[in-house]
Amino acid sequence: MPFSSKPINPSPLHSRLKRNPALFGVPFLLIIIGASFGLQTFTQTRYDLQDQKVKQMSSEQALGLDRKKKKFDIREEYYKLSAAGEQDWEPKRIARPNDFPELGVSPTEPPVKP
């Protein structure tokens, strides 16, 4: 056995932790739980501000700002679209790249394989 597992000069903290490992875990858990309670105030403030924004919007709606908005009528939209269809328009064909053949027409040259 070339190396021993016991240190030459053990520190008192090291020996206490070896005897009772909860001395390390308990303070760690206390810090985690304390931080959770500390952050609770910040998260509560965040949700209060969000709730305040929602209440402000509902008060604007209570004033009747959306009364100015016109109600949707499907018949009116139908007549608008049917009137727009009677306008003069002409379909234009977009030029295809040279590599693509016309649809419905057999190619004059065999396809080039790379």
PDB file of N, CA and C in Angstrom:
ATOM      1  N   MET A   1       0.820  -1.154   0.000  1.00  0.00           N
ATOM      2  CA  MET A   1       0.000   0.000   0.000  1.00  0.00           C
ATOM      3  C   MET A   1       0.888   1.250   0.000  1.00  0.00           C
ATOM      4  N   PRO A   2       1.022   1.890  -1.205  1.00  0.00           N
ATOM      5  CA  PRO A   2       1.943   3.015  -1.299  1.00  0.00           C
ATOM      6  C   PRO A   2       1.397   4.310  -0.678  1.00  0.00           C
ATOM      7  N   PHE A   3       0.097   4.578  -0.800  1.00  0.00           N
ATOM      8  CA  PHE A   3      -0.464   5.827  -0.278  1.00  0.00           C
ATOM      9  C   PHE A   3      -1.529   5.510   0.763  1.00  0.00           C
ATOM     10  N   SER A   4      -1.536   6.238   1.842  1.00  0.00           N
ATOM     11  CA  SER A   4      -2.569   6.030   2.847  1.00  0.00           C
ATOM     12  C   SER A   4      -3.723   6.993   2.587  1.00  0.00           C
ATOM     13  N   SER A   5      -4.924   6.625   2.995  1.00  0.00           N
ATOM     14  CA  SER A   5      -6.101   7.456   2.747  1.00  0.00           C
ATOM     15  C   SER A   5      -6.278   8.522   3.821  1.00  0.00           C
ATOM     16  N   LYS A   6      -5.525   8.451   4.901  1.00  0.00           N
ATOM     17  CA  LYS A   6      -5.647   9.445   5.954  1.00  0.00           C
ATOM     18  C   LYS A   6      -4.621  10.555   5.733  1.00  0.00           C
ATOM     19  N   PRO A   7      -5.068  11.818   5.832  1.00  0.00           N
ATOM     20  CA  PRO A   7      -4.101  12.910   5.678  1.00  0.00           C
ATOM     21  C   PRO A   7      -3.178  12.999   6.888  1.00  0.00           C
ATOM     22  N   ILE A   8      -2.024  13.627   6.661  1.00  0.00           N
ATOM     23  CA  ILE A   8      -1.043  13.745   7.727  1.00  0.00           C
ATOM     24  C   ILE A   8      -1.540  14.693   8.820  1.00  0.00           C
ATOM     25  N   ASN A   9      -2.016  15.864   8.402  1.00  0.00           N
ATOM     26  CA  ASN A   9      -2.531  16.853   9.360  1.00  0.00           C
ATOM     27  C   ASN A   9      -4.015  17.097   9.054  1.00  0.00           C
ATOM     28  N   PRO A  10      -4.941  16.309   9.578  1.00  0.00           N
ATOM     29  CA  PRO A  10      -6.364  16.527   9.274  1.00  0.00           C
ATOM     30  C   PRO A  10      -6.877  17.800   9.943  1.00  0.00           C
ATOM     31  N   SER A  11      -7.667  18.575   9.211  1.00  0.00           N
ATOM     32  CA  SER A  11      -8.242  19.800   9.770  1.00  0.00           C
ATOM     33  C   SER A  11      -9.450  19.423  10.636  1.00  0.00           C
ATOM     34  N   PRO A  12      -9.768  20.237  11.607  1.00  0.00           N
ATOM     35  CA  PRO A  12     -10.921  19.914  12.467  1.00  0.00           C
ATOM     36  C   PRO A  12     -12.249  19.946  11.694  1.00  0.00           C
ATOM     37  N   LEU A  13     -12.344  20.801  10.686  1.00  0.00           N
ATOM     38  CA  LEU A  13     -13.568  20.860   9.875  1.00  0.00           C
ATOM     39  C   LEU A  13     -13.745  19.569   9.087  1.00  0.00           C
ATOM     40  N   HIS A  14     -12.647  19.078   8.531  1.00  0.00           N
ATOM     41  CA  HIS A  14     -12.697  17.841   7.749  1.00  0.00           C
ATOM     42  C   HIS A  14     -13.128  16.667   8.624  1.00  0.00           C
ATOM     43  N   SER A  15     -12.611  16.583   9.806  1.00  0.00           N
ATOM     44  CA  SER A  15     -12.980  15.468  10.679  1.00  0.00           C
ATOM     45  C   SER A  15     -14.437  15.594  11.141  1.00  0.00           C
ATOM     46  N   ARG A  16     -14.921  16.810  11.386  1.00  0.00           N
ATOM     47  CA  ARG A  16     -16.324  16.982  11.777  1.00  0.00           C
ATOM     48  C   ARG A  16     -17.270  16.604  10.648  1.00  0.00           C
ATOM     49  N   LEU A  17     -16.917  17.007   9.407  1.00  0.00           N
ATOM     50  CA  LEU A  17     -17.760  16.665   8.265  1.00  0.00           C
ATOM     51  C   LEU A  17     -17.760  15.171   8.009  1.00  0.00           C
ATOM     52  N   LYS A  18     -16.664  14.513   8.287  1.00  0.00           N
ATOM     53  CA  LYS A  18     -16.594  13.074   8.100  1.00  0.00           C
ATOM     54  C   LYS A  18     -17.474  12.351   9.120  1.00  0.00           C
ATOM     55  N   ARG A  19     -17.521  12.866  10.338  1.00  0.00           N
ATOM     56  CA  ARG A  19     -18.361  12.257  11.361  1.00  0.00           C
ATOM     57  C   ARG A  19     -19.842  12.562  11.159  1.00  0.00           C
ATOM     58  N   ASN A  20     -20.158  13.803  10.763  1.00  0.00           N
ATOM     59  CA  ASN A  20     -21.548  14.214  10.628  1.00  0.00           C
ATOM     60  C   ASN A  20     -21.714  14.977   9.303  1.00  0.00           C
ATOM     61  N   PRO A  21     -22.084  14.335   8.196  1.00  0.00           N
ATOM     62  CA  PRO A  21     -22.190  15.007   6.893  1.00  0.00           C
ATOM     63  C   PRO A  21     -23.355  15.995   6.810  1.00  0.00           C
ATOM     64  N   ALA A  22     -24.300  15.942   7.756  1.00  0.00           N
ATOM     65  CA  ALA A  22     -25.427  16.875   7.727  1.00  0.00           C
ATOM     66  C   ALA A  22     -24.978  18.305   7.991  1.00  0.00           C
ATOM     67  N   LEU A  23     -23.772  18.494   8.552  1.00  0.00           N
ATOM     68  CA  LEU A  23     -23.272  19.845   8.796  1.00  0.00           C
ATOM     69  C   LEU A  23     -23.068  20.620   7.486  1.00  0.00           C
ATOM     70  N   PHE A  24     -22.896  19.902   6.400  1.00  0.00           N
ATOM     71  CA  PHE A  24     -22.757  20.560   5.098  1.00  0.00           C
ATOM     72  C   PHE A  24     -24.120  20.723   4.430  1.00  0.00           C
ATOM     73  N   GLY A  25     -24.995  19.719   4.522  1.00  0.00           N
ATOM     74  CA  GLY A  25     -26.269  19.726   3.807  1.00  0.00           C
ATOM     75  C   GLY A  25     -27.316  20.641   4.391  1.00  0.00           C
ATOM     76  N   VAL A  26     -27.380  20.759   5.713  1.00  0.00           N
ATOM     77  CA  VAL A  26     -28.414  21.568   6.355  1.00  0.00           C
ATOM     78  C   VAL A  26     -28.264  23.052   6.009  1.00  0.00           C
ATOM     79  N   PRO A  27     -27.086  23.648   6.106  1.00  0.00           N
ATOM     80  CA  PRO A  27     -26.991  25.068   5.714  1.00  0.00           C
ATOM     81  C   PRO A  27     -27.322  25.289   4.242  1.00  0.00           C
ATOM     82  N   PHE A  28     -26.961  24.348   3.398  1.00  0.00           N
ATOM     83  CA  PHE A  28     -27.263  24.466   1.967  1.00  0.00           C
ATOM     84  C   PHE A  28     -28.779  24.501   1.750  1.00  0.00           C
ATOM     85  N   LEU A  29     -29.496  23.608   2.398  1.00  0.00           N
ATOM     86  CA  LEU A  29     -30.951  23.591   2.256  1.00  0.00           C
ATOM     87  C   LEU A  29     -31.586  24.843   2.848  1.00  0.00           C
ATOM     88  N   LEU A  30     -31.046  25.336   3.941  1.00  0.00           N
ATOM     89  CA  LEU A  30     -31.576  26.562   4.528  1.00  0.00           C
ATOM     90  C   LEU A  30     -31.401  27.755   3.594  1.00  0.00           C
ATOM     91  N   ILE A  31     -30.291  27.822   2.897  1.00  0.00           N
ATOM     92  CA  ILE A  31     -30.056  28.912   1.942  1.00  0.00           C
ATOM     93  C   ILE A  31     -31.045  28.816   0.780  1.00  0.00           C
ATOM     94  N   ILE A  32     -31.284  27.607   0.276  1.00  0.00           N
ATOM     95  CA  ILE A  32     -32.220  27.418  -0.842  1.00  0.00           C
ATOM     96  C   ILE A  32     -33.634  27.839  -0.427  1.00  0.00           C
ATOM     97  N   ILE A  33     -34.079  27.401   0.745  1.00  0.00           N
ATOM     98  CA  ILE A  33     -35.425  27.731   1.211  1.00  0.00           C
ATOM     99  C   ILE A  33     -35.540  29.222   1.514  1.00  0.00           C
ATOM    100  N   GLY A  34     -34.519  29.822   2.105  1.00  0.00           N
ATOM    101  CA  GLY A  34     -34.527  31.256   2.381  1.00  0.00           C
ATOM    102  C   GLY A  34     -34.571  32.083   1.107  1.00  0.00           C
ATOM    103  N   ALA A  35     -33.840  31.651   0.090  1.00  0.00           N
ATOM    104  CA  ALA A  35     -33.856  32.380  -1.187  1.00  0.00           C
ATOM    105  C   ALA A  35     -35.231  32.286  -1.833  1.00  0.00           C
ATOM    106  N   SER A  36     -35.891  31.161  -1.674  1.00  0.00           N
ATOM    107  CA  SER A  36     -37.236  31.008  -2.227  1.00  0.00           C
ATOM    108  C   SER A  36     -38.191  32.014  -1.596  1.00  0.00           C
ATOM    109  N   PHE A  37     -38.131  32.165  -0.276  1.00  0.00           N
ATOM    110  CA  PHE A  37     -38.983  33.143   0.386  1.00  0.00           C
ATOM    111  C   PHE A  37     -38.576  34.564   0.029  1.00  0.00           C
ATOM    112  N   GLY A  38     -37.300  34.798  -0.180  1.00  0.00           N
ATOM    113  CA  GLY A  38     -36.837  36.131  -0.557  1.00  0.00           C
ATOM    114  C   GLY A  38     -37.300  36.521  -1.947  1.00  0.00           C
ATOM    115  N   LEU A  39     -37.316  35.581  -2.876  1.00  0.00           N
ATOM    116  CA  LEU A  39     -37.741  35.877  -4.243  1.00  0.00           C
ATOM    117  C   LEU A  39     -39.255  35.937  -4.375  1.00  0.00           C
ATOM    118  N   GLN A  40     -39.963  35.493  -3.371  1.00  0.00           N
ATOM    119  CA  GLN A  40     -41.414  35.496  -3.418  1.00  0.00           C
ATOM    120  C   GLN A  40     -41.953  36.917  -3.568  1.00  0.00           C
ATOM    121  N   THR A  41     -41.335  37.889  -2.938  1.00  0.00           N
ATOM    122  CA  THR A  41     -41.814  39.266  -3.036  1.00  0.00           C
ATOM    123  C   THR A  41     -41.639  39.812  -4.455  1.00  0.00           C
ATOM    124  N   PHE A  42     -40.533  39.447  -5.096  1.00  0.00           N
ATOM    125  CA  PHE A  42     -40.318  39.929  -6.463  1.00  0.00           C
ATOM    126  C   PHE A  42     -41.316  39.313  -7.436  1.00  0.00           C
ATOM    127  N   THR A  43     -41.585  38.026  -7.293  1.00  0.00           N
ATOM    128  CA  THR A  43     -42.546  37.393  -8.202  1.00  0.00           C
ATOM    129  C   THR A  43     -43.951  37.918  -7.949  1.00  0.00           C
ATOM    130  N   GLN A  44     -44.285  38.195  -6.701  1.00  0.00           N
ATOM    131  CA  GLN A  44     -45.608  38.745  -6.392  1.00  0.00           C
ATOM    132  C   GLN A  44     -45.765  40.126  -7.018  1.00  0.00           C
ATOM    133  N   THR A  45     -44.713  40.923  -7.001  1.00  0.00           N
ATOM    134  CA  THR A  45     -44.754  42.243  -7.620  1.00  0.00           C
ATOM    135  C   THR A  45     -44.975  42.119  -9.123  1.00  0.00           C
ATOM    136  N   ARG A  46     -44.324  41.155  -9.722  1.00  0.00           N
ATOM    137  CA  ARG A  46     -44.473  40.940 -11.160  1.00  0.00           C
ATOM    138  C   ARG A  46     -45.919  40.603 -11.512  1.00  0.00           C
ATOM    139  N   TYR A  47     -46.545  39.702 -10.758  1.00  0.00           N
ATOM    140  CA  TYR A  47     -47.917  39.322 -11.046  1.00  0.00           C
ATOM    141  C   TYR A  47     -48.897  40.448 -10.729  1.00  0.00           C
ATOM    142  N   ASP A  48     -48.591  41.259  -9.726  1.00  0.00           N
ATOM    143  CA  ASP A  48     -49.451  42.401  -9.430  1.00  0.00           C
ATOM    144  C   ASP A  48     -49.435  43.414 -10.558  1.00  0.00           C
ATOM    145  N   LEU A  49     -48.268  43.680 -11.131  1.00  0.00           N
ATOM    146  CA  LEU A  49     -48.179  44.617 -12.250  1.00  0.00           C
ATOM    147  C   LEU A  49     -48.921  44.089 -13.472  1.00  0.00           C
ATOM    148  N   GLN A  50     -48.816  42.794 -13.739  1.00  0.00           N
ATOM    149  CA  GLN A  50     -49.523  42.200 -14.866  1.00  0.00           C
ATOM    150  C   GLN A  50     -51.034  42.306 -14.651  1.00  0.00           C
ATOM    151  N   ASP A  51     -51.492  42.057 -13.437  1.00  0.00           N
ATOM    152  CA  ASP A  51     -52.914  42.158 -13.111  1.00  0.00           C
ATOM    153  C   ASP A  51     -53.397  43.596 -13.267  1.00  0.00           C
ATOM    154  N   GLN A  52     -52.557  44.556 -12.912  1.00  0.00           N
ATOM    155  CA  GLN A  52     -52.912  45.961 -13.042  1.00  0.00           C
ATOM    156  C   GLN A  52     -53.088  46.336 -14.513  1.00  0.00           C
ATOM    157  N   LYS A  53     -52.232  45.818 -15.393  1.00  0.00           N
ATOM    158  CA  LYS A  53     -52.365  46.090 -16.828  1.00  0.00           C
ATOM    159  C   LYS A  53     -53.661  45.527 -17.374  1.00  0.00           C
ATOM    160  N   VAL A  54     -54.014  44.325 -16.943  1.00  0.00           N
ATOM    161  CA  VAL A  54     -55.256  43.703 -17.413  1.00  0.00           C
ATOM    162  C   VAL A  54     -56.460  44.505 -16.939  1.00  0.00           C
ATOM    163  N   LYS A  55     -56.438  44.958 -15.688  1.00  0.00           N
ATOM    164  CA  LYS A  55     -57.546  45.751 -15.167  1.00  0.00           C
ATOM    165  C   LYS A  55     -57.652  47.077 -15.900  1.00  0.00           C
ATOM    166  N   GLN A  56     -56.530  47.682 -16.268  1.00  0.00           N
ATOM    167  CA  GLN A  56     -56.541  48.947 -16.990  1.00  0.00           C
ATOM    168  C   GLN A  56     -57.187  48.754 -18.362  1.00  0.00           C
ATOM    169  N   MET A  57     -56.883  47.665 -19.024  1.00  0.00           N
ATOM    170  CA  MET A  57     -57.461  47.398 -20.340  1.00  0.00           C
ATOM    171  C   MET A  57     -58.961  47.164 -20.229  1.00  0.00           C
ATOM    172  N   SER A  58     -59.391  46.453 -19.194  1.00  0.00           N
ATOM    173  CA  SER A  58     -60.823  46.215 -19.043  1.00  0.00           C
ATOM    174  C   SER A  58     -61.569  47.508 -18.723  1.00  0.00           C
ATOM    175  N   SER A  59     -60.922  48.445 -18.043  1.00  0.00           N
ATOM    176  CA  SER A  59     -61.576  49.724 -17.776  1.00  0.00           C
ATOM    177  C   SER A  59     -61.717  50.535 -19.059  1.00  0.00           C
ATOM    178  N   GLU A  60     -60.749  50.420 -19.970  1.00  0.00           N
ATOM    179  CA  GLU A  60     -60.865  51.093 -21.268  1.00  0.00           C
ATOM    180  C   GLU A  60     -62.004  50.478 -22.080  1.00  0.00           C
ATOM    181  N   GLN A  61     -62.163  49.196 -21.974  1.00  0.00           N
ATOM    182  CA  GLN A  61     -63.258  48.545 -22.677  1.00  0.00           C
ATOM    183  C   GLN A  61     -64.594  48.935 -22.053  1.00  0.00           C
ATOM    184  N   ALA A  62     -64.598  49.143 -20.735  1.00  0.00           N
ATOM    185  CA  ALA A  62     -65.825  49.555 -20.065  1.00  0.00           C
ATOM    186  C   ALA A  62     -66.259  50.948 -20.514  1.00  0.00           C
ATOM    187  N   LEU A  63     -65.312  51.781 -20.922  1.00  0.00           N
ATOM    188  CA  LEU A  63     -65.661  53.109 -21.417  1.00  0.00           C
ATOM    189  C   LEU A  63     -66.324  53.048 -22.795  1.00  0.00           C
ATOM    190  N   GLY A  64     -66.214  51.906 -23.430  1.00  0.00           N
ATOM    191  CA  GLY A  64     -66.891  51.742 -24.718  1.00  0.00           C
ATOM    192  C   GLY A  64     -66.038  52.122 -25.893  1.00  0.00           C
ATOM    193  N   LEU A  65     -64.750  51.895 -25.802  1.00  0.00           N
ATOM    194  CA  LEU A  65     -63.889  52.242 -26.927  1.00  0.00           C
ATOM    195  C   LEU A  65     -64.115  51.318 -28.119  1.00  0.00           C
ATOM    196  N   ASP A  66     -64.594  50.115 -27.869  1.00  0.00           N
ATOM    197  CA  ASP A  66     -64.807  49.225 -29.006  1.00  0.00           C
ATOM    198  C   ASP A  66     -66.225  49.377 -29.570  1.00  0.00           C
ATOM    199  N   ARG A  67     -66.992  50.356 -29.106  1.00  0.00           N
ATOM    200  CA  ARG A  67     -68.291  50.628 -29.721  1.00  0.00           C
ATOM    201  C   ARG A  67     -68.119  51.289 -31.075  1.00  0.00           C
ATOM    202  N   LYS A  68     -67.005  52.002 -31.248  1.00  0.00           N
ATOM    203  CA  LYS A  68     -66.732  52.652 -32.527  1.00  0.00           C
ATOM    204  C   LYS A  68     -66.446  51.639 -33.624  1.00  0.00           C
ATOM    205  N   LYS A  69     -66.037  50.469 -33.206  1.00  0.00           N
ATOM    206  CA  LYS A  69     -65.678  49.432 -34.163  1.00  0.00           C
ATOM    207  C   LYS A  69     -66.931  48.894 -34.846  1.00  0.00           C
ATOM    208  N   LYS A  70     -66.843  48.727 -36.144  1.00  0.00           N
ATOM    209  CA  LYS A  70     -67.976  48.243 -36.905  1.00  0.00           C
ATOM    210  C   LYS A  70     -68.095  46.737 -36.742  1.00  0.00           C
ATOM    211  N   LYS A  71     -69.310  46.246 -36.582  1.00  0.00           N
ATOM    212  CA  LYS A  71     -69.505  44.811 -36.430  1.00  0.00           C
ATOM    213  C   LYS A  71     -69.333  44.123 -37.774  1.00  0.00           C
ATOM    214  N   PHE A  72     -68.874  42.882 -37.717  1.00  0.00           N
ATOM    215  CA  PHE A  72     -68.610  42.110 -38.925  1.00  0.00           C
ATOM    216  C   PHE A  72     -69.913  41.535 -39.458  1.00  0.00           C
ATOM    217  N   ASP A  73     -70.146  41.749 -40.767  1.00  0.00           N
ATOM    218  CA  ASP A  73     -71.330  41.202 -41.417  1.00  0.00           C
ATOM    219  C   ASP A  73     -70.864  40.412 -42.629  1.00  0.00           C
ATOM    220  N   ILE A  74     -71.196  39.135 -42.669  1.00  0.00           N
ATOM    221  CA  ILE A  74     -70.714  38.267 -43.742  1.00  0.00           C
ATOM    222  C   ILE A  74     -71.327  38.660 -45.087  1.00  0.00           C
ATOM    223  N   ARG A  75     -72.584  39.119 -45.081  1.00  0.00           N
ATOM    224  CA  ARG A  75     -73.215  39.509 -46.358  1.00  0.00           C
ATOM    225  C   ARG A  75     -72.536  40.732 -46.950  1.00  0.00           C
ATOM    226  N   GLU A  76     -72.180  41.678 -46.100  1.00  0.00           N
ATOM    227  CA  GLU A  76     -71.506  42.877 -46.583  1.00  0.00           C
ATOM    228  C   GLU A  76     -70.143  42.525 -47.188  1.00  0.00           C
ATOM    229  N   GLU A  77     -69.416  41.638 -46.561  1.00  0.00           N
ATOM    230  CA  GLU A  77     -68.128  41.209 -47.097  1.00  0.00           C
ATOM    231  C   GLU A  77     -68.301  40.474 -48.429  1.00  0.00           C
ATOM    232  N   TYR A  78     -69.350  39.687 -48.533  1.00  0.00           N
ATOM    233  CA  TYR A  78     -69.616  38.968 -49.779  1.00  0.00           C
ATOM    234  C   TYR A  78     -69.858  39.952 -50.926  1.00  0.00           C
ATOM    235  N   TYR A  79     -70.653  40.980 -50.669  1.00  0.00           N
ATOM    236  CA  TYR A  79     -70.930  41.963 -51.712  1.00  0.00           C
ATOM    237  C   TYR A  79     -69.683  42.761 -52.082  1.00  0.00           C
ATOM    238  N   LYS A  80     -68.841  43.044 -51.115  1.00  0.00           N
ATOM    239  CA  LYS A  80     -67.582  43.744 -51.412  1.00  0.00           C
ATOM    240  C   LYS A  80     -66.702  42.909 -52.328  1.00  0.00           C
ATOM    241  N   LEU A  81     -66.579  41.618 -52.001  1.00  0.00           N
ATOM    242  CA  LEU A  81     -65.733  40.742 -52.809  1.00  0.00           C
ATOM    243  C   LEU A  81     -66.312  40.493 -54.194  1.00  0.00           C
ATOM    244  N   SER A  82     -67.620  40.385 -54.288  1.00  0.00           N
ATOM    245  CA  SER A  82     -68.225  40.160 -55.612  1.00  0.00           C
ATOM    246  C   SER A  82     -68.087  41.405 -56.477  1.00  0.00           C
ATOM    247  N   ALA A  83     -68.123  42.603 -55.883  1.00  0.00           N
ATOM    248  CA  ALA A  83     -67.935  43.834 -56.650  1.00  0.00           C
ATOM    249  C   ALA A  83     -66.482  43.965 -57.098  1.00  0.00           C
ATOM    250  N   ALA A  84     -65.554  43.475 -56.301  1.00  0.00           N
ATOM    251  CA  ALA A  84     -64.147  43.560 -56.671  1.00  0.00           C
ATOM    252  C   ALA A  84     -63.832  42.603 -57.810  1.00  0.00           C
ATOM    253  N   GLY A  85     -64.611  41.539 -57.974  1.00  0.00           N
ATOM    254  CA  GLY A  85     -64.365  40.577 -59.043  1.00  0.00           C
ATOM    255  C   GLY A  85     -64.743  41.113 -60.406  1.00  0.00           C
ATOM    256  N   GLU A  86     -65.581  42.139 -60.472  1.00  0.00           N
ATOM    257  CA  GLU A  86     -66.023  42.679 -61.758  1.00  0.00           C
ATOM    258  C   GLU A  86     -65.030  43.676 -62.346  1.00  0.00           C
ATOM    259  N   GLN A  87     -64.018  44.046 -61.596  1.00  0.00           N
ATOM    260  CA  GLN A  87     -63.033  44.998 -62.103  1.00  0.00           C
ATOM    261  C   GLN A  87     -62.232  44.358 -63.224  1.00  0.00           C
ATOM    262  N   ASP A  88     -61.696  45.194 -64.103  1.00  0.00           N
ATOM    263  CA  ASP A  88     -60.892  44.686 -65.219  1.00  0.00           C
ATOM    264  C   ASP A  88     -59.534  44.257 -64.707  1.00  0.00           C
ATOM    265  N   TRP A  89     -59.197  43.017 -64.961  1.00  0.00           N
ATOM    266  CA  TRP A  89     -57.887  42.499 -64.611  1.00  0.00           C
ATOM    267  C   TRP A  89     -57.517  41.446 -65.619  1.00  0.00           C
ATOM    268  N   GLU A  90     -56.243  41.272 -65.770  1.00  0.00           N
ATOM    269  CA  GLU A  90     -55.742  40.347 -66.777  1.00  0.00           C
ATOM    270  C   GLU A  90     -54.685  39.455 -66.146  1.00  0.00           C
ATOM    271  N   PRO A  91     -54.817  38.137 -66.293  1.00  0.00           N
ATOM    272  CA  PRO A  91     -53.792  37.260 -65.711  1.00  0.00           C
ATOM    273  C   PRO A  91     -52.490  37.352 -66.511  1.00  0.00           C
ATOM    274  N   LYS A  92     -51.384  37.481 -65.818  1.00  0.00           N
ATOM    275  CA  LYS A  92     -50.080  37.548 -66.477  1.00  0.00           C
ATOM    276  C   LYS A  92     -49.272  36.329 -66.098  1.00  0.00           C
ATOM    277  N   ARG A  93     -48.593  35.770 -67.046  1.00  0.00           N
ATOM    278  CA  ARG A  93     -47.778  34.607 -66.799  1.00  0.00           C
ATOM    279  C   ARG A  93     -46.368  35.054 -66.411  1.00  0.00           C
ATOM    280  N   ILE A  94     -45.837  34.405 -65.404  1.00  0.00           N
ATOM    281  CA  ILE A  94     -44.488  34.708 -64.961  1.00  0.00           C
ATOM    282  C   ILE A  94     -43.525  33.816 -65.725  1.00  0.00           C
ATOM    283  N   ALA A  95     -42.442  34.395 -66.213  1.00  0.00           N
ATOM    284  CA  ALA A  95     -41.469  33.624 -66.985  1.00  0.00           C
ATOM    285  C   ALA A  95     -40.801  32.579 -66.098  1.00  0.00           C
ATOM    286  N   ARG A  96     -40.709  31.361 -66.617  1.00  0.00           N
ATOM    287  CA  ARG A  96     -40.053  30.274 -65.882  1.00  0.00           C
ATOM    288  C   ARG A  96     -38.556  30.295 -66.165  1.00  0.00           C
ATOM    289  N   PRO A  97     -37.777  29.752 -65.249  1.00  0.00           N
ATOM    290  CA  PRO A  97     -36.350  29.601 -65.545  1.00  0.00           C
ATOM    291  C   PRO A  97     -36.144  28.598 -66.688  1.00  0.00           C
ATOM    292  N   ASN A  98     -35.009  28.675 -67.306  1.00  0.00           N
ATOM    293  CA  ASN A  98     -34.740  27.822 -68.475  1.00  0.00           C
ATOM    294  C   ASN A  98     -34.696  26.337 -68.109  1.00  0.00           C
ATOM    295  N   ASP A  99     -34.387  26.014 -66.864  1.00  0.00           N
ATOM    296  CA  ASP A  99     -34.236  24.611 -66.484  1.00  0.00           C
ATOM    297  C   ASP A  99     -35.565  23.879 -66.346  1.00  0.00           C
ATOM    298  N   PHE A 100     -36.653  24.591 -66.142  1.00  0.00           N
ATOM    299  CA  PHE A 100     -37.942  23.961 -65.900  1.00  0.00           C
ATOM    300  C   PHE A 100     -38.750  23.900 -67.190  1.00  0.00           C
ATOM    301  N   PRO A 101     -39.274  22.720 -67.548  1.00  0.00           N
ATOM    302  CA  PRO A 101     -40.106  22.631 -68.764  1.00  0.00           C
ATOM    303  C   PRO A 101     -41.514  23.153 -68.479  1.00  0.00           C
ATOM    304  N   GLU A 102     -42.249  23.416 -69.537  1.00  0.00           N
ATOM    305  CA  GLU A 102     -43.631  23.852 -69.402  1.00  0.00           C
ATOM    306  C   GLU A 102     -44.462  22.693 -68.875  1.00  0.00           C
ATOM    307  N   LEU A 103     -45.482  23.010 -68.112  1.00  0.00           N
ATOM    308  CA  LEU A 103     -46.358  21.974 -67.604  1.00  0.00           C
ATOM    309  C   LEU A 103     -47.311  21.521 -68.711  1.00  0.00           C
ATOM    310  N   GLY A 104     -47.495  20.224 -68.858  1.00  0.00           N
ATOM    311  CA  GLY A 104     -48.411  19.691 -69.851  1.00  0.00           C
ATOM    312  C   GLY A 104     -47.791  19.533 -71.220  1.00  0.00           C
ATOM    313  N   VAL A 105     -46.562  19.971 -71.413  1.00  0.00           N
ATOM    314  CA  VAL A 105     -45.889  19.861 -72.706  1.00  0.00           C
ATOM    315  C   VAL A 105     -44.699  18.932 -72.520  1.00  0.00           C
ATOM    316  N   SER A 106     -44.569  17.961 -73.431  1.00  0.00           N
ATOM    317  CA  SER A 106     -43.440  17.041 -73.304  1.00  0.00           C
ATOM    318  C   SER A 106     -42.137  17.782 -73.635  1.00  0.00           C
ATOM    319  N   PRO A 107     -41.073  17.489 -72.899  1.00  0.00           N
ATOM    320  CA  PRO A 107     -39.808  18.200 -73.149  1.00  0.00           C
ATOM    321  C   PRO A 107     -39.222  17.813 -74.508  1.00  0.00           C
ATOM    322  N   THR A 108     -38.600  18.798 -75.159  1.00  0.00           N
ATOM    323  CA  THR A 108     -37.993  18.564 -76.465  1.00  0.00           C
ATOM    324  C   THR A 108     -36.630  17.923 -76.339  1.00  0.00           C
ATOM    325  N   GLU A 109     -35.923  18.183 -75.245  1.00  0.00           N
ATOM    326  CA  GLU A 109     -34.604  17.602 -75.033  1.00  0.00           C
ATOM    327  C   GLU A 109     -34.661  16.679 -73.830  1.00  0.00           C
ATOM    328  N   PRO A 110     -33.838  15.641 -73.804  1.00  0.00           N
ATOM    329  CA  PRO A 110     -33.803  14.778 -72.619  1.00  0.00           C
ATOM    330  C   PRO A 110     -33.217  15.543 -71.431  1.00  0.00           C
ATOM    331  N   PRO A 111     -33.638  15.210 -70.215  1.00  0.00           N
ATOM    332  CA  PRO A 111     -33.100  15.923 -69.042  1.00  0.00           C
ATOM    333  C   PRO A 111     -31.615  15.654 -68.859  1.00  0.00           C
ATOM    334  N   VAL A 112     -30.899  16.689 -68.456  1.00  0.00           N
ATOM    335  CA  VAL A 112     -29.466  16.597 -68.246  1.00  0.00           C
ATOM    336  C   VAL A 112     -29.227  16.088 -66.826  1.00  0.00           C
ATOM    337  N   LYS A 113     -28.461  14.998 -66.711  1.00  0.00           N
ATOM    338  CA  LYS A 113     -28.151  14.458 -65.391  1.00  0.00           C
ATOM    339  C   LYS A 113     -26.763  14.937 -64.966  1.00  0.00           C
ATOM    340  N   PRO A 114     -26.643  15.465 -63.768  1.00  0.00           N
ATOM    341  CA  PRO A 114     -25.333  15.958 -63.335  1.00  0.00           C
ATOM    342  C   PRO A 114     -24.388  14.856 -62.932  1.00  0.00           C
TER     343      PRO A 114
END
